[in-house]
Amino acid sequence: MRHTPIVRHHPLPDLSRVLPSGLHGDGGSFSEQDSLLVFTFNSLLGESVTSANRFVMTIIKKSDMVPGTLDKMMEILAWSYNVAL
């Protein structure tokens, strides 16, 4: 990936300690009345079936969400990534 524009123009000068990861959010049915929002992450360098390389970060029932819930969830996920850094 080192020759792709996103890597060549990355703001960090030293990418030797960077691990590219993906974040995926998707909804799924939970019951006849409700559904879930699931966020998973995975390494972009792994080569395996999706179920083997995606790790659940959070799950929330959509009926429990209020305005601002998604923003707060993204803030917490960003905090987690920064702590891992």
Protein backbone atom coordinates (compact mmCIF):
# COMPACT_ATOMS: atom_id res chain seq x y z
CA MET A 1 0.00 0.00 0.00
CA ARG A 2 3.01 2.29 0.36
CA HIS A 3 2.61 3.57 -3.21
CA THR A 4 -1.05 4.58 -2.88
CA PRO A 5 -1.86 8.31 -2.63
CA ILE A 6 -3.42 7.94 0.83
CA VAL A 7 -0.12 6.57 2.19
CA ARG A 8 2.20 8.82 0.17
CA HIS A 9 0.34 11.96 1.35
CA HIS A 10 -0.21 10.85 4.95
CA PRO A 11 0.51 13.65 7.47
CA LEU A 12 2.75 11.43 9.62
CA PRO A 13 6.31 11.36 8.30
CA ASP A 14 7.16 7.95 9.83
CA LEU A 15 4.62 5.22 9.15
CA SER A 16 6.74 2.40 10.56
CA ARG A 17 4.54 2.20 13.70
CA VAL A 18 1.20 2.50 11.90
CA LEU A 19 -1.16 -0.45 11.62
CA PRO A 20 -3.90 0.19 9.07
CA SER A 21 -7.28 -0.81 10.43
CA GLY A 22 -10.83 -0.67 9.22
CA LEU A 23 -13.94 0.34 11.13
CA HIS A 24 -17.28 -1.08 10.01
CA GLY A 25 -20.75 -0.22 11.25
CA ASP A 26 -23.88 -2.08 10.24
CA GLY A 27 -27.40 -2.68 11.41
CA GLY A 28 -29.02 -6.04 11.94
CA SER A 29 -32.39 -7.32 13.01
CA PHE A 30 -32.71 -8.07 16.71
CA SER A 31 -36.40 -8.70 17.16
CA GLU A 32 -39.57 -7.90 15.28
CA GLN A 33 -39.69 -4.51 16.99
CA ASP A 34 -36.02 -3.50 17.13
CA SER A 35 -32.61 -3.78 15.50
CA LEU A 36 -28.99 -3.48 16.57
CA LEU A 37 -26.16 -1.23 15.45
CA VAL A 38 -22.84 -3.09 15.52
CA PHE A 39 -19.35 -1.61 15.11
CA THR A 40 -16.40 -3.88 14.37
CA PHE A 41 -12.76 -3.30 13.48
CA ASN A 42 -10.22 -5.29 11.54
CA SER A 43 -6.66 -5.10 10.25
CA LEU A 44 -6.44 -4.07 6.61
CA LEU A 45 -3.37 -6.28 6.27
CA GLY A 46 -5.04 -9.57 7.21
CA GLU A 47 -6.09 -12.15 4.68
CA SER A 48 -8.81 -14.40 6.06
CA VAL A 49 -12.56 -14.82 6.07
CA THR A 50 -14.46 -11.81 7.43
CA SER A 51 -15.76 -13.61 10.52
CA ALA A 52 -12.20 -14.52 11.55
CA ASN A 53 -10.68 -11.03 11.35
CA ARG A 54 -13.44 -8.67 12.53
CA PHE A 55 -13.61 -7.84 16.23
CA VAL A 56 -16.69 -6.35 17.89
CA MET A 57 -16.12 -2.93 19.46
CA THR A 58 -19.71 -2.12 20.48
CA ILE A 59 -23.33 -3.10 19.99
CA ILE A 60 -26.37 -0.95 20.79
CA LYS A 61 -30.09 -1.37 20.28
CA LYS A 62 -31.34 1.29 17.89
CA SER A 63 -34.31 1.95 20.20
CA ASP A 64 -31.83 3.00 22.93
CA MET A 65 -30.24 5.66 20.74
CA VAL A 66 -31.02 9.35 21.20
CA PRO A 67 -29.73 12.39 19.29
CA GLY A 68 -25.98 12.54 19.86
CA THR A 69 -25.55 8.82 20.64
CA LEU A 70 -23.63 8.12 17.45
CA ASP A 71 -21.35 11.14 18.00
CA LYS A 72 -20.59 9.97 21.56
CA MET A 73 -19.90 6.44 20.34
CA MET A 74 -17.44 7.76 17.74
CA GLU A 75 -15.76 9.88 20.43
CA ILE A 76 -15.28 6.80 22.62
CA LEU A 77 -14.01 4.70 19.71
CA ALA A 78 -11.54 7.48 18.81
CA TRP A 79 -10.39 7.55 22.44
CA SER A 80 -9.82 3.78 22.31
CA TYR A 81 -7.73 4.07 19.14
CA ASN A 82 -5.67 6.89 20.68
CA VAL A 83 -5.02 4.86 23.84
CA ALA A 84 -3.90 1.92 21.69
CA LEU A 85 -1.53 4.29 19.88
